[in-house]
Each structure stands twice: as structure tokens, then as C-alpha cells.
Amino acid sequence: MQSVLSIISGTPLWVWGILVLIVYLGMTAMRPGRRSPARLSLVPGIFLAVALGTLLNSARLADILPLWLAGCLLGLGTGAAWAMVLRIGIDRTQGLIHMPGTAFWLVTGLILFGIRYAIEVSMALNRDLVEESLRSTLPYAVAGLGTGMSAGWWAALMLRYLRPTDAPRAST
């Protein structure tokens, strides 16, 4: 069995770059602040672009798409539910959403990264299992979950932001 050090040193550098990005974005989300809808759109947009690029470049699209979609649907619901319970403030005059600090994205990002990393390491160490259909498509389900969570979170926030405020009632 390979040592942990050889597994870590054999991991491509871009994977560690993704981990650094996850930690950075998670730490940023822990600080309360005012953010524009455009800024809040960046991360879900990146997730979606990367996911679509990965899916469209896959030779096994028919195998991976159902699991990616299942993960994405679960993620959409989870992300939307999380965004609906957030205590946010909306300032339409300045075009800002006042966001609370939350560890949700840091914890979620690290969990999803860890799961995906463990699956990929397992497949790299057991090349004979790579052909096993379910096992080889699991990383796509995890990617779909992350994509769905960020898209659901963003969509729910945008719905809250765009929802018209109660208009004053005319007295009769």
C-alpha cells in the first residue's frame, strides 16, 4: 500500500489550487458583508461553467449524466433551503445584499473536496476498480451536488432580492 506522503506528492498541483480556492472562498464567506448580486453570481457561475465543460468533454456522458443530475437536484434543494433561512438584508437602492458570516460554505466545500479526493485516490490505487461503472461515476455525483448547492443558493438569494416589497395599501 502506498504511503500517505506518496499519495499527497502524486496529487496534481491544480488539485491543491482548488483546495486553496475552497478555503479562501469559505473564509471570505465567514465574514459578514455587503455584496452585489453580480459578485454573488461569480462562484455559482464558475461551478456551472466547469461542470458543463467537464460533462460535455466526457466520452461517457450517458453514464455520468444521470448521477450528476441526481447530485445536482439534491444540491439545488439543499442550497436553496440554506439561502431561504439566511438572515439577509436587502438594500435595493445601493443594489446590495447584506450577508451574515457563515461557516457553511467552508465546511461544505471541505467535505465535498474530501469526498471527491478520497474517491479519486481510491480509483487511482485500484485501477481494476476504475471500470466499475458506479464507482467511476461517483466523482460526477459529488460535482453535481456542489454545483447544485451553489446554484440553488444563488437562485434563492436572487429570488429574495428581486421579490417586490409589499406596496403600501390604498385606504378606502
C-alpha atoms as a PDB file:
ATOM      1  CA  MET A   1       0.000   0.000   0.000  1.00  0.00           C
ATOM      2  CA  GLN A   2       1.287   3.430  -0.905  1.00  0.00           C
ATOM      3  CA  SER A   3       2.148   5.860   1.864  1.00  0.00           C
ATOM      4  CA  VAL A   4       0.108   8.958   2.533  1.00  0.00           C
ATOM      5  CA  LEU A   5       3.105  11.097   1.584  1.00  0.00           C
ATOM      6  CA  SER A   6       3.398   9.471  -1.848  1.00  0.00           C
ATOM      7  CA  ILE A   7      -0.347   9.956  -2.434  1.00  0.00           C
ATOM      8  CA  ILE A   8      -0.135  13.630  -1.485  1.00  0.00           C
ATOM      9  CA  SER A   9       3.008  14.228  -3.545  1.00  0.00           C
ATOM     10  CA  GLY A  10       1.441  12.413  -6.513  1.00  0.00           C
ATOM     11  CA  THR A  11      -1.583  14.678  -6.495  1.00  0.00           C
ATOM     12  CA  PRO A  12      -1.543  17.207  -9.356  1.00  0.00           C
ATOM     13  CA  LEU A  13      -0.825  20.804  -8.296  1.00  0.00           C
ATOM     14  CA  TRP A  14      -4.122  22.075  -9.711  1.00  0.00           C
ATOM     15  CA  VAL A  15      -5.973  19.956  -7.113  1.00  0.00           C
ATOM     16  CA  TRP A  16      -4.178  21.818  -4.320  1.00  0.00           C
ATOM     17  CA  GLY A  17      -5.050  25.073  -6.080  1.00  0.00           C
ATOM     18  CA  ILE A  18      -8.710  24.117  -5.885  1.00  0.00           C
ATOM     19  CA  LEU A  19      -8.338  23.345  -2.177  1.00  0.00           C
ATOM     20  CA  VAL A  20      -6.738  26.758  -1.593  1.00  0.00           C
ATOM     21  CA  LEU A  21      -9.603  28.402  -3.513  1.00  0.00           C
ATOM     22  CA  ILE A  22     -12.199  26.500  -1.447  1.00  0.00           C
ATOM     23  CA  VAL A  23     -10.546  27.592   1.803  1.00  0.00           C
ATOM     24  CA  TYR A  24     -10.215  31.191   0.596  1.00  0.00           C
ATOM     25  CA  LEU A  25     -13.854  31.433  -0.524  1.00  0.00           C
ATOM     26  CA  GLY A  26     -15.039  29.664   2.637  1.00  0.00           C
ATOM     27  CA  MET A  27     -13.072  32.031   4.854  1.00  0.00           C
ATOM     28  CA  THR A  28     -14.421  35.010   2.906  1.00  0.00           C
ATOM     29  CA  ALA A  29     -17.991  33.755   3.446  1.00  0.00           C
ATOM     30  CA  MET A  30     -17.348  33.626   7.195  1.00  0.00           C
ATOM     31  CA  ARG A  31     -17.112  37.423   7.310  1.00  0.00           C
ATOM     32  CA  PRO A  32     -20.357  39.375   7.181  1.00  0.00           C
ATOM     33  CA  GLY A  33     -20.513  41.914   4.410  1.00  0.00           C
ATOM     34  CA  ARG A  34     -22.424  43.648   1.681  1.00  0.00           C
ATOM     35  CA  ARG A  35     -22.231  42.046  -1.722  1.00  0.00           C
ATOM     36  CA  SER A  36     -23.772  42.848  -5.068  1.00  0.00           C
ATOM     37  CA  PRO A  37     -25.873  40.248  -6.882  1.00  0.00           C
ATOM     38  CA  ALA A  38     -23.188  40.181  -9.609  1.00  0.00           C
ATOM     39  CA  ARG A  39     -20.484  39.306  -7.071  1.00  0.00           C
ATOM     40  CA  LEU A  40     -22.695  36.618  -5.541  1.00  0.00           C
ATOM     41  CA  SER A  41     -23.107  35.168  -9.055  1.00  0.00           C
ATOM     42  CA  LEU A  42     -19.392  34.532  -9.615  1.00  0.00           C
ATOM     43  CA  VAL A  43     -18.880  31.293  -7.682  1.00  0.00           C
ATOM     44  CA  PRO A  44     -22.073  29.552  -8.878  1.00  0.00           C
ATOM     45  CA  GLY A  45     -21.244  30.682 -12.409  1.00  0.00           C
ATOM     46  CA  ILE A  46     -17.755  29.200 -12.171  1.00  0.00           C
ATOM     47  CA  PHE A  47     -19.138  25.941 -10.722  1.00  0.00           C
ATOM     48  CA  LEU A  48     -21.662  25.688 -13.546  1.00  0.00           C
ATOM     49  CA  ALA A  49     -19.159  26.508 -16.297  1.00  0.00           C
ATOM     50  CA  VAL A  50     -16.633  23.952 -15.011  1.00  0.00           C
ATOM     51  CA  ALA A  51     -19.348  21.317 -14.593  1.00  0.00           C
ATOM     52  CA  LEU A  52     -20.738  21.837 -18.086  1.00  0.00           C
ATOM     53  CA  GLY A  53     -17.257  21.800 -19.592  1.00  0.00           C
ATOM     54  CA  THR A  54     -16.427  18.567 -17.772  1.00  0.00           C
ATOM     55  CA  LEU A  55     -19.709  16.937 -18.793  1.00  0.00           C
ATOM     56  CA  LEU A  56     -19.520  17.981 -22.422  1.00  0.00           C
ATOM     57  CA  ASN A  57     -15.921  16.779 -22.741  1.00  0.00           C
ATOM     58  CA  SER A  58     -16.672  13.378 -21.252  1.00  0.00           C
ATOM     59  CA  ALA A  59     -16.705  10.356 -23.518  1.00  0.00           C
ATOM     60  CA  ARG A  60     -19.070   8.698 -21.019  1.00  0.00           C
ATOM     61  CA  LEU A  61     -21.759  11.376 -20.866  1.00  0.00           C
ATOM     62  CA  ALA A  62     -24.591   8.810 -20.956  1.00  0.00           C
ATOM     63  CA  ASP A  63     -23.103   7.075 -17.892  1.00  0.00           C
ATOM     64  CA  ILE A  64     -22.290  10.132 -15.810  1.00  0.00           C
ATOM     65  CA  LEU A  65     -25.148  12.498 -16.607  1.00  0.00           C
ATOM     66  CA  PRO A  66     -27.820  10.693 -14.525  1.00  0.00           C
ATOM     67  CA  LEU A  67     -25.649  10.697 -11.378  1.00  0.00           C
ATOM     68  CA  TRP A  68     -24.540  14.287 -11.959  1.00  0.00           C
ATOM     69  CA  LEU A  69     -28.180  15.345 -12.369  1.00  0.00           C
ATOM     70  CA  ALA A  70     -29.227  13.446  -9.233  1.00  0.00           C
ATOM     71  CA  GLY A  71     -26.462  15.133  -7.246  1.00  0.00           C
ATOM     72  CA  CYS A  72     -27.356  18.470  -8.780  1.00  0.00           C
ATOM     73  CA  LEU A  73     -31.052  18.150  -7.889  1.00  0.00           C
ATOM     74  CA  LEU A  74     -30.227  17.221  -4.303  1.00  0.00           C
ATOM     75  CA  GLY A  75     -27.807  20.146  -4.184  1.00  0.00           C
ATOM     76  CA  LEU A  76     -30.358  22.584  -5.631  1.00  0.00           C
ATOM     77  CA  GLY A  77     -32.766  21.806  -2.824  1.00  0.00           C
ATOM     78  CA  THR A  78     -30.093  21.954  -0.140  1.00  0.00           C
ATOM     79  CA  GLY A  79     -28.599  25.215  -1.384  1.00  0.00           C
ATOM     80  CA  ALA A  80     -31.998  26.870  -1.825  1.00  0.00           C
ATOM     81  CA  ALA A  81     -33.143  25.769   1.631  1.00  0.00           C
ATOM     82  CA  TRP A  82     -29.969  27.182   3.164  1.00  0.00           C
ATOM     83  CA  ALA A  83     -30.367  30.534   1.372  1.00  0.00           C
ATOM     84  CA  MET A  84     -34.017  30.832   2.401  1.00  0.00           C
ATOM     85  CA  VAL A  85     -33.192  30.655   6.121  1.00  0.00           C
ATOM     86  CA  LEU A  86     -30.256  33.074   5.963  1.00  0.00           C
ATOM     87  CA  ARG A  87     -30.921  36.341   7.726  1.00  0.00           C
ATOM     88  CA  ILE A  88     -30.049  38.766   4.974  1.00  0.00           C
ATOM     89  CA  GLY A  89     -30.707  42.442   4.443  1.00  0.00           C
ATOM     90  CA  ILE A  90     -31.602  43.804   1.050  1.00  0.00           C
ATOM     91  CA  ASP A  91     -30.682  47.331   0.002  1.00  0.00           C
ATOM     92  CA  ARG A  92     -32.176  47.805  -3.446  1.00  0.00           C
ATOM     93  CA  THR A  93     -31.189  51.481  -3.595  1.00  0.00           C
ATOM     94  CA  GLN A  94     -27.497  50.556  -3.461  1.00  0.00           C
ATOM     95  CA  GLY A  95     -28.019  47.186  -5.137  1.00  0.00           C
ATOM     96  CA  LEU A  96     -26.520  45.205  -2.253  1.00  0.00           C
ATOM     97  CA  ILE A  97     -27.351  42.179  -0.180  1.00  0.00           C
ATOM     98  CA  HIS A  98     -26.151  42.245   3.418  1.00  0.00           C
ATOM     99  CA  MET A  99     -24.852  38.740   4.087  1.00  0.00           C
ATOM    100  CA  PRO A 100     -24.183  37.253   7.511  1.00  0.00           C
ATOM    101  CA  GLY A 101     -20.941  35.451   8.137  1.00  0.00           C
ATOM    102  CA  THR A 102     -21.337  31.685   7.896  1.00  0.00           C
ATOM    103  CA  ALA A 103     -19.046  28.673   8.004  1.00  0.00           C
ATOM    104  CA  PHE A 104     -21.491  26.730   5.819  1.00  0.00           C
ATOM    105  CA  TRP A 105     -19.505  27.123   2.584  1.00  0.00           C
ATOM    106  CA  LEU A 106     -16.151  26.403   4.201  1.00  0.00           C
ATOM    107  CA  VAL A 107     -17.411  23.214   5.846  1.00  0.00           C
ATOM    108  CA  THR A 108     -19.408  22.120   2.793  1.00  0.00           C
ATOM    109  CA  GLY A 109     -16.537  22.843   0.420  1.00  0.00           C
ATOM    110  CA  LEU A 110     -14.048  20.900   2.538  1.00  0.00           C
ATOM    111  CA  ILE A 111     -16.418  17.939   2.894  1.00  0.00           C
ATOM    112  CA  LEU A 112     -17.131  17.790  -0.842  1.00  0.00           C
ATOM    113  CA  PHE A 113     -13.418  18.191  -1.649  1.00  0.00           C
ATOM    114  CA  GLY A 114     -12.534  15.425   0.824  1.00  0.00           C
ATOM    115  CA  ILE A 115     -15.128  13.035  -0.568  1.00  0.00           C
ATOM    116  CA  ARG A 116     -14.074  13.670  -4.154  1.00  0.00           C
ATOM    117  CA  TYR A 117     -10.375  13.389  -3.274  1.00  0.00           C
ATOM    118  CA  ALA A 118     -10.937  10.101  -1.424  1.00  0.00           C
ATOM    119  CA  ILE A 119     -12.859   8.636  -4.379  1.00  0.00           C
ATOM    120  CA  GLU A 120     -10.197   9.715  -6.871  1.00  0.00           C
ATOM    121  CA  VAL A 121      -7.346   8.348  -4.693  1.00  0.00           C
ATOM    122  CA  SER A 122      -9.217   5.080  -4.255  1.00  0.00           C
ATOM    123  CA  MET A 123      -9.665   4.763  -8.004  1.00  0.00           C
ATOM    124  CA  ALA A 124      -6.003   5.641  -8.659  1.00  0.00           C
ATOM    125  CA  LEU A 125      -4.823   2.979  -6.205  1.00  0.00           C
ATOM    126  CA  ASN A 126      -7.232   0.336  -7.516  1.00  0.00           C
ATOM    127  CA  ARG A 127      -7.062   0.642 -11.279  1.00  0.00           C
ATOM    128  CA  ASP A 128      -9.019  -2.585 -11.704  1.00  0.00           C
ATOM    129  CA  LEU A 129     -11.990  -0.935  -9.962  1.00  0.00           C
ATOM    130  CA  VAL A 130     -11.997   2.061 -12.319  1.00  0.00           C
ATOM    131  CA  GLU A 131     -14.020   0.054 -14.789  1.00  0.00           C
ATOM    132  CA  GLU A 132     -16.742  -0.446 -12.201  1.00  0.00           C
ATOM    133  CA  SER A 133     -19.447   1.883 -13.505  1.00  0.00           C
ATOM    134  CA  LEU A 134     -20.889   3.250 -10.261  1.00  0.00           C
ATOM    135  CA  ARG A 135     -17.532   3.810  -8.615  1.00  0.00           C
ATOM    136  CA  SER A 136     -16.105   5.630 -11.625  1.00  0.00           C
ATOM    137  CA  THR A 137     -19.125   7.933 -11.893  1.00  0.00           C
ATOM    138  CA  LEU A 138     -19.312   8.880  -8.188  1.00  0.00           C
ATOM    139  CA  PRO A 139     -16.993  11.891  -8.590  1.00  0.00           C
ATOM    140  CA  TYR A 140     -19.541  13.333 -11.006  1.00  0.00           C
ATOM    141  CA  ALA A 141     -22.340  12.907  -8.462  1.00  0.00           C
ATOM    142  CA  VAL A 142     -20.256  14.835  -5.922  1.00  0.00           C
ATOM    143  CA  ALA A 143     -19.538  17.521  -8.534  1.00  0.00           C
ATOM    144  CA  GLY A 144     -23.263  17.715  -9.312  1.00  0.00           C
ATOM    145  CA  LEU A 145     -24.043  18.113  -5.620  1.00  0.00           C
ATOM    146  CA  GLY A 146     -21.624  21.036  -5.286  1.00  0.00           C
ATOM    147  CA  THR A 147     -22.852  22.654  -8.481  1.00  0.00           C
ATOM    148  CA  GLY A 148     -26.483  22.252  -7.435  1.00  0.00           C
ATOM    149  CA  MET A 149     -25.838  23.636  -3.952  1.00  0.00           C
ATOM    150  CA  SER A 150     -24.185  26.781  -5.270  1.00  0.00           C
ATOM    151  CA  ALA A 151     -26.831  27.254  -7.999  1.00  0.00           C
ATOM    152  CA  GLY A 152     -29.738  26.656  -5.591  1.00  0.00           C
ATOM    153  CA  TRP A 153     -28.232  29.032  -3.022  1.00  0.00           C
ATOM    154  CA  TRP A 154     -27.733  31.721  -5.653  1.00  0.00           C
ATOM    155  CA  ALA A 155     -31.208  31.282  -7.170  1.00  0.00           C
ATOM    156  CA  ALA A 156     -32.920  31.532  -3.776  1.00  0.00           C
ATOM    157  CA  LEU A 157     -30.923  34.650  -2.881  1.00  0.00           C
ATOM    158  CA  MET A 158     -31.764  36.255  -6.213  1.00  0.00           C
ATOM    159  CA  LEU A 159     -35.461  35.428  -5.762  1.00  0.00           C
ATOM    160  CA  ARG A 160     -35.372  37.103  -2.361  1.00  0.00           C
ATOM    161  CA  TYR A 161     -33.504  40.081  -3.801  1.00  0.00           C
ATOM    162  CA  LEU A 162     -35.843  40.502  -6.778  1.00  0.00           C
ATOM    163  CA  ARG A 163     -39.080  39.837  -4.871  1.00  0.00           C
ATOM    164  CA  PRO A 164     -41.089  43.048  -4.856  1.00  0.00           C
ATOM    165  CA  THR A 165     -41.604  44.569  -1.458  1.00  0.00           C
ATOM    166  CA  ASP A 166     -45.097  44.952  -0.133  1.00  0.00           C
ATOM    167  CA  ALA A 167     -46.618  48.011  -1.732  1.00  0.00           C
ATOM    168  CA  PRO A 168     -48.452  50.403   0.570  1.00  0.00           C
ATOM    169  CA  ARG A 169     -52.160  49.724   0.615  1.00  0.00           C
ATOM    170  CA  ALA A 170     -54.570  52.399  -0.517  1.00  0.00           C
ATOM    171  CA  SER A 171     -57.043  53.384   2.157  1.00  0.00           C
ATOM    172  CA  THR A 172     -60.717  53.142   1.273  1.00  0.00           C
END
